[in-house]
Amino acid sequence: MTENDLNKLYNRKENYIDSKLKTLDKDVRRMQSNLLEMIMSDYAGKFDVKPDGTLKVTQKNMRLVTEIEALMDRFNKLFQQSKLKRMANDMLKITEYSKDYYAGMGYSSELLGSIEEGMGFVSKGIGITDKGNIIKGSYLDSLSQNAEIRKGLKDYVINSVASGKGYNDYLKGFKELVVGKRGTKGVLQKYYSQFAYDSFNQVDASINKHYADELQLEYFIYAGGIIDTTRPFCRKRAGKVFSVKETRKWKCDPDLIGKPKGAKCDDSYNPLIERGKWRCRHSIRYISEEMAFKRRPELKTIK
């Protein structure tokens, strides 16, 4: 198979991930609307209001803060869990695309099949069973609890009641908090941006690292282009070939973001999984020794 054919196989997987991320973003926007509707229809109208239209500072209004928990539990069951299950199954399908790529490199279906059988750690790491159920205490289960969102909503209610906010302003603020306003993201978009969107690329990286370890592949392309928001760490690596050994020094790169405060190196950093860290668009594309040496001959001398 030619290098061009391999590129097509690799791009098929990248296009799949991009399409699923777009689907997830649409799901998140719909869920935000669902959450706002629940708040407006089942919750916001319960508060006592003064004749002048401001919220009363009463024990009843303060007690209503705790009802956010029950509302979020219902939201999770009605709208979120099904979307998270679909997200998990979409992630697991990345294995099929990766298998096709390594088959294109010339590895036998028998060998790749045996490697694929050892991929149980992927579904366990995501937190979904063979029957498609979320595992209690897993990453997906934790994600579904929306801890930061719950706290943000409760803080908003407490502050609104304590300050005697006008009821109409209270409703308007709730809407802007949940679904955002022009130029700002809603509460679920921010949450998923922080915790979920990176998961696709990290699962992909874990799957490919497993294949590479089993196939003893020691070289890769830091795949992906450069855009205006590309970080310096990725900008100087994009499209270039590296050895796995070289990545051991990346933890001390001055351009690596998210290091512990005051530290020159990040000893917890896993370069082959995290790449440029959160929201990184680049990926680790493993290639043969022959292809690596052809693109970068000096790799032959790197120990």
Protein backbone atom coordinates (compact mmCIF):
# COMPACT_ATOMS: atom_id res chain seq x y z
CA MET A 1 0.00 0.00 0.00
CA THR A 2 1.35 3.44 -0.93
CA GLU A 3 1.92 6.28 1.51
CA ASN A 4 -0.97 8.11 -0.14
CA ASP A 5 -3.26 5.14 0.56
CA LEU A 6 -2.13 5.15 4.20
CA ASN A 7 -2.88 8.86 4.41
CA LYS A 8 -6.42 8.19 3.22
CA LEU A 9 -6.92 5.50 5.86
CA TYR A 10 -5.60 7.79 8.56
CA ASN A 11 -7.77 10.69 7.37
CA ARG A 12 -10.85 8.44 7.46
CA LYS A 13 -10.36 8.04 11.19
CA GLU A 14 -9.68 11.75 11.74
CA ASN A 15 -12.83 12.63 9.78
CA TYR A 16 -14.82 10.16 11.87
CA ILE A 17 -13.62 11.76 15.11
CA ASP A 18 -14.38 15.26 13.78
CA SER A 19 -17.90 14.22 12.78
CA LYS A 20 -18.59 12.68 16.19
CA LEU A 21 -17.30 15.77 17.98
CA LYS A 22 -19.69 17.89 15.90
CA THR A 23 -22.52 15.53 16.84
CA LEU A 24 -21.57 15.81 20.50
CA ASP A 25 -21.56 19.60 20.28
CA LYS A 26 -25.09 19.55 18.82
CA ASP A 27 -26.20 17.19 21.58
CA VAL A 28 -24.76 19.49 24.23
CA ARG A 29 -26.57 22.51 22.80
CA ARG A 30 -29.87 20.58 22.79
CA MET A 31 -29.29 19.42 26.35
CA GLN A 32 -28.72 23.02 27.43
CA SER A 33 -32.12 23.93 26.01
CA ASN A 34 -33.67 20.92 27.76
CA LEU A 35 -32.09 21.99 31.06
CA LEU A 36 -33.32 25.56 30.71
CA GLU A 37 -36.84 24.34 29.93
CA MET A 38 -36.83 22.16 33.05
CA ILE A 39 -35.62 25.06 35.20
CA MET A 40 -38.24 27.46 33.86
CA SER A 41 -41.17 25.03 33.96
CA ASP A 42 -40.41 22.97 37.08
CA TYR A 43 -38.29 25.18 39.32
CA ALA A 44 -38.06 28.94 38.84
CA GLY A 45 -41.77 29.56 39.47
CA LYS A 46 -41.64 28.15 43.00
CA PHE A 47 -39.96 31.20 44.50
CA ASP A 48 -41.82 33.76 46.62
CA VAL A 49 -41.72 37.28 45.21
CA LYS A 50 -42.44 40.64 46.83
CA PRO A 51 -45.13 42.98 45.42
CA ASP A 52 -42.37 45.05 43.83
CA GLY A 53 -41.21 42.01 41.81
CA THR A 54 -38.05 41.18 43.77
CA LEU A 55 -37.20 37.82 45.31
CA LYS A 56 -38.00 37.45 48.99
CA VAL A 57 -35.19 36.59 51.38
CA THR A 58 -37.04 33.73 53.10
CA GLN A 59 -36.19 30.31 54.48
CA LYS A 60 -38.46 28.76 51.84
CA ASN A 61 -36.57 30.42 48.98
CA MET A 62 -33.25 29.41 50.48
CA ARG A 63 -34.44 25.82 50.95
CA LEU A 64 -35.34 25.67 47.27
CA VAL A 65 -31.61 25.78 46.51
CA THR A 66 -31.36 22.10 47.46
CA GLU A 67 -33.95 21.15 44.82
CA ILE A 68 -31.31 21.80 42.17
CA GLU A 69 -29.90 18.38 43.04
CA ALA A 70 -33.15 16.54 42.27
CA LEU A 71 -33.65 18.59 39.10
CA MET A 72 -30.17 17.69 37.84
CA ASP A 73 -30.75 14.01 38.66
CA ARG A 74 -33.91 14.06 36.50
CA PHE A 75 -32.08 15.93 33.74
CA ASN A 76 -29.35 13.31 33.74
CA LYS A 77 -31.79 10.41 33.43
CA LEU A 78 -34.06 12.07 30.88
CA PHE A 79 -31.51 13.65 28.56
CA GLN A 80 -27.86 13.17 29.40
CA GLN A 81 -27.25 9.47 30.03
CA SER A 82 -28.38 8.38 26.57
CA LYS A 83 -26.08 10.95 24.94
CA LEU A 84 -23.12 9.83 27.07
CA LYS A 85 -23.74 6.19 26.15
CA ARG A 86 -23.74 7.12 22.47
CA MET A 87 -20.56 9.15 22.97
CA ALA A 88 -18.88 6.13 24.60
CA ASN A 89 -19.89 3.77 21.79
CA ASP A 90 -18.69 6.28 19.21
CA MET A 91 -15.33 6.33 20.98
CA LEU A 92 -15.04 2.55 20.95
CA LYS A 93 -15.57 2.47 17.17
CA ILE A 94 -12.26 4.32 16.78
CA THR A 95 -10.62 0.91 17.27
CA GLU A 96 -12.01 -0.29 13.93
CA TYR A 97 -10.52 2.68 12.06
CA SER A 98 -7.16 2.22 13.77
CA LYS A 99 -7.16 -1.48 12.90
CA ASP A 100 -7.71 -0.63 9.22
CA TYR A 101 -4.78 1.80 9.32
CA TYR A 102 -2.35 -0.79 10.72
CA ALA A 103 -3.66 -3.39 8.29
CA GLY A 104 -2.71 -0.90 5.57
CA MET A 105 0.82 -0.90 6.97
CA GLY A 106 0.99 -4.59 6.14
CA TYR A 107 0.22 -6.30 9.46
CA SER A 108 -1.90 -9.45 9.27
CA SER A 109 -5.55 -9.53 10.29
CA GLU A 110 -4.75 -12.37 12.70
CA LEU A 111 -2.13 -10.32 14.53
CA LEU A 112 -4.27 -7.20 14.62
CA GLY A 113 -7.26 -9.25 15.78
CA SER A 114 -5.29 -10.63 18.71
CA ILE A 115 -4.17 -7.11 19.63
CA GLU A 116 -7.75 -5.88 19.41
CA GLU A 117 -8.84 -8.56 21.88
CA GLY A 118 -6.67 -6.86 24.48
CA MET A 119 -8.52 -3.57 24.14
CA GLY A 120 -10.87 -4.20 27.07
CA PHE A 121 -9.05 -1.50 29.03
CA VAL A 122 -10.51 1.10 26.66
CA SER A 123 -14.18 0.43 27.45
CA LYS A 124 -13.33 0.01 31.14
CA GLY A 125 -11.43 3.30 31.13
CA ILE A 126 -14.34 5.09 29.49
CA GLY A 127 -16.78 3.46 31.89
CA ILE A 128 -19.19 1.43 29.80
CA THR A 129 -20.04 -2.28 29.92
CA ASP A 130 -20.32 -4.69 26.98
CA LYS A 131 -24.09 -4.16 27.14
CA GLY A 132 -23.70 -0.39 26.86
CA ASN A 133 -24.42 0.55 30.48
CA ILE A 134 -22.49 3.18 32.42
CA ILE A 135 -20.27 1.71 35.14
CA LYS A 136 -20.89 3.16 38.60
CA GLY A 137 -17.98 5.29 39.76
CA SER A 138 -16.41 5.41 36.28
CA TYR A 139 -15.29 8.39 34.20
CA LEU A 140 -18.66 8.53 32.39
CA ASP A 141 -20.57 8.24 35.65
CA SER A 142 -18.52 11.08 37.13
CA LEU A 143 -19.08 13.16 34.00
CA SER A 144 -22.84 12.61 34.21
CA GLN A 145 -23.00 14.02 37.74
CA ASN A 146 -22.21 17.56 36.52
CA ALA A 147 -20.72 18.55 39.87
CA GLU A 148 -19.48 21.96 38.67
CA ILE A 149 -22.79 22.77 36.99
CA ARG A 150 -24.77 21.89 40.10
CA LYS A 151 -22.57 24.13 42.21
CA GLY A 152 -22.80 26.97 39.70
CA LEU A 153 -26.61 26.81 39.58
CA LYS A 154 -26.92 26.68 43.38
CA ASP A 155 -24.52 29.59 43.83
CA TYR A 156 -26.55 31.62 41.34
CA VAL A 157 -29.80 30.97 43.22
CA ILE A 158 -28.26 31.72 46.63
CA ASN A 159 -26.79 35.01 45.43
CA SER A 160 -30.02 36.01 43.65
CA VAL A 161 -32.18 35.39 46.73
CA ALA A 162 -29.70 36.93 49.18
CA SER A 163 -29.48 40.11 47.09
CA GLY A 164 -33.23 40.35 46.51
CA LYS A 165 -32.80 40.32 42.74
CA GLY A 166 -35.75 41.31 40.60
CA TYR A 167 -37.65 38.23 39.45
CA ASN A 168 -37.46 39.08 35.75
CA ASP A 169 -33.74 39.76 36.02
CA TYR A 170 -33.44 36.48 37.91
CA LEU A 171 -35.05 34.57 35.04
CA LYS A 172 -32.95 36.42 32.46
CA GLY A 173 -29.78 35.63 34.39
CA PHE A 174 -30.76 31.97 34.63
CA LYS A 175 -31.20 31.83 30.86
CA GLU A 176 -27.84 33.49 30.18
CA LEU A 177 -26.13 31.17 32.66
CA VAL A 178 -27.60 27.98 31.19
CA VAL A 179 -27.60 28.60 27.42
CA GLY A 180 -25.23 31.55 27.21
CA LYS A 181 -25.69 34.74 25.27
CA ARG A 182 -24.16 36.08 22.08
CA GLY A 183 -20.43 35.43 22.15
CA THR A 184 -20.51 33.24 25.28
CA LYS A 185 -20.99 29.52 25.83
CA GLY A 186 -23.69 27.97 27.96
CA VAL A 187 -23.02 26.05 31.15
CA LEU A 188 -23.02 22.61 29.50
CA GLN A 189 -20.83 23.76 26.62
CA LYS A 190 -18.23 25.00 29.11
CA TYR A 191 -18.48 21.80 31.13
CA TYR A 192 -18.14 19.46 28.16
CA SER A 193 -15.39 21.62 26.70
CA GLN A 194 -13.43 21.12 29.91
CA PHE A 195 -14.13 17.45 30.56
CA ALA A 196 -15.50 15.61 27.52
CA TYR A 197 -14.30 16.85 24.14
CA ASP A 198 -10.68 15.85 24.79
CA SER A 199 -11.84 12.33 25.60
CA PHE A 200 -12.19 11.35 21.93
CA ASN A 201 -8.61 12.25 21.12
CA GLN A 202 -7.26 10.69 24.31
CA VAL A 203 -9.11 7.44 23.62
CA ASP A 204 -7.72 7.50 20.08
CA ALA A 205 -4.22 8.10 21.47
CA SER A 206 -4.59 5.22 23.95
CA ILE A 207 -5.78 2.82 21.26
CA ASN A 208 -2.93 3.75 18.93
CA LYS A 209 -0.33 3.54 21.67
CA HIS A 210 -1.55 0.02 22.45
CA TYR A 211 -1.18 -0.99 18.79
CA ALA A 212 2.23 0.70 18.59
CA ASP A 213 3.47 -1.03 21.75
CA GLU A 214 2.33 -4.44 20.51
CA LEU A 215 3.73 -3.86 17.00
CA GLN A 216 6.93 -2.31 18.40
CA LEU A 217 6.54 0.88 16.41
CA GLU A 218 9.04 3.47 17.61
CA TYR A 219 8.36 6.42 15.26
CA PHE A 220 5.46 8.72 14.57
CA ILE A 221 4.29 11.88 12.85
CA TYR A 222 2.96 14.65 15.07
CA ALA A 223 -0.06 14.87 12.79
CA GLY A 224 -2.23 17.92 12.28
CA GLY A 225 -1.96 21.36 10.75
CA ILE A 226 -1.37 24.82 12.14
CA ILE A 227 -4.07 27.45 12.71
CA ASP A 228 -4.05 30.87 14.39
CA THR A 229 -4.69 29.40 17.84
CA THR A 230 -2.07 26.64 17.59
CA ARG A 231 0.11 26.71 20.71
CA PRO A 232 3.90 27.14 20.38
CA PHE A 233 4.44 23.61 21.75
CA CYS A 234 2.45 22.10 18.87
CA ARG A 235 3.45 24.67 16.27
CA LYS A 236 7.09 23.57 16.33
CA ARG A 237 6.14 19.87 16.09
CA ALA A 238 3.20 19.83 13.67
CA GLY A 239 3.77 17.56 10.68
CA LYS A 240 7.24 16.46 11.81
CA VAL A 241 8.58 12.97 12.54
CA PHE A 242 9.83 11.94 15.98
CA SER A 243 10.97 8.84 17.82
CA VAL A 244 9.14 7.68 20.93
CA LYS A 245 12.42 8.10 22.84
CA GLU A 246 12.54 11.81 22.01
CA THR A 247 9.22 12.43 23.76
CA ARG A 248 10.80 11.69 27.15
CA LYS A 249 12.21 15.23 27.13
CA TRP A 250 8.96 16.92 26.17
CA LYS A 251 7.86 17.16 29.79
CA CYS A 252 10.50 19.89 30.27
CA ASP A 253 9.68 21.87 27.13
CA PRO A 254 9.30 25.54 28.19
CA ASP A 255 6.27 25.82 25.88
CA LEU A 256 4.37 22.91 27.50
CA ILE A 257 1.32 24.33 29.24
CA GLY A 258 -0.12 23.21 32.56
CA LYS A 259 3.06 22.47 34.45
CA PRO A 260 2.87 22.45 38.26
CA LYS A 261 3.39 25.97 39.61
CA GLY A 262 7.08 26.84 39.69
CA ALA A 263 8.18 23.58 38.03
CA LYS A 264 10.31 23.40 34.89
CA CYS A 265 9.08 19.89 34.08
CA ASP A 266 5.77 18.06 34.37
CA ASP A 267 6.57 14.55 35.58
CA SER A 268 2.92 13.47 35.30
CA TYR A 269 2.75 14.40 31.61
CA ASN A 270 2.20 11.54 29.14
CA PRO A 271 3.29 12.96 25.75
CA LEU A 272 1.93 10.13 23.60
CA ILE A 273 -1.54 10.49 25.13
CA GLU A 274 -1.81 14.16 26.10
CA ARG A 275 0.17 15.66 23.19
CA GLY A 276 -0.27 19.47 23.59
CA LYS A 277 -2.65 18.92 26.52
CA TRP A 278 -6.25 20.14 26.70
CA ARG A 279 -8.11 20.87 23.48
CA CYS A 280 -5.11 19.74 21.43
CA ARG A 281 -6.11 19.05 17.81
CA HIS A 282 -2.97 17.10 16.97
CA SER A 283 -2.51 13.35 17.07
CA ILE A 284 0.23 10.75 17.23
CA ARG A 285 0.37 8.89 13.91
CA TYR A 286 2.70 5.90 14.19
CA ILE A 287 4.70 4.98 11.10
CA SER A 288 7.24 2.35 10.10
CA GLU A 289 10.97 2.72 10.69
CA GLU A 290 11.48 2.82 6.94
CA MET A 291 9.08 5.72 6.48
CA ALA A 292 10.54 7.58 9.47
CA PHE A 293 14.15 7.27 8.23
CA LYS A 294 13.08 8.34 4.76
CA ARG A 295 11.51 11.53 6.12
CA ARG A 296 14.16 12.21 8.74
CA PRO A 297 17.44 10.36 8.11
CA GLU A 298 19.15 11.65 11.27
CA LEU A 299 16.82 9.47 13.35
CA LYS A 300 19.14 6.58 12.59
CA THR A 301 21.75 8.11 14.91
CA ILE A 302 19.41 8.98 17.83
CA LYS A 303 19.87 6.61 20.75
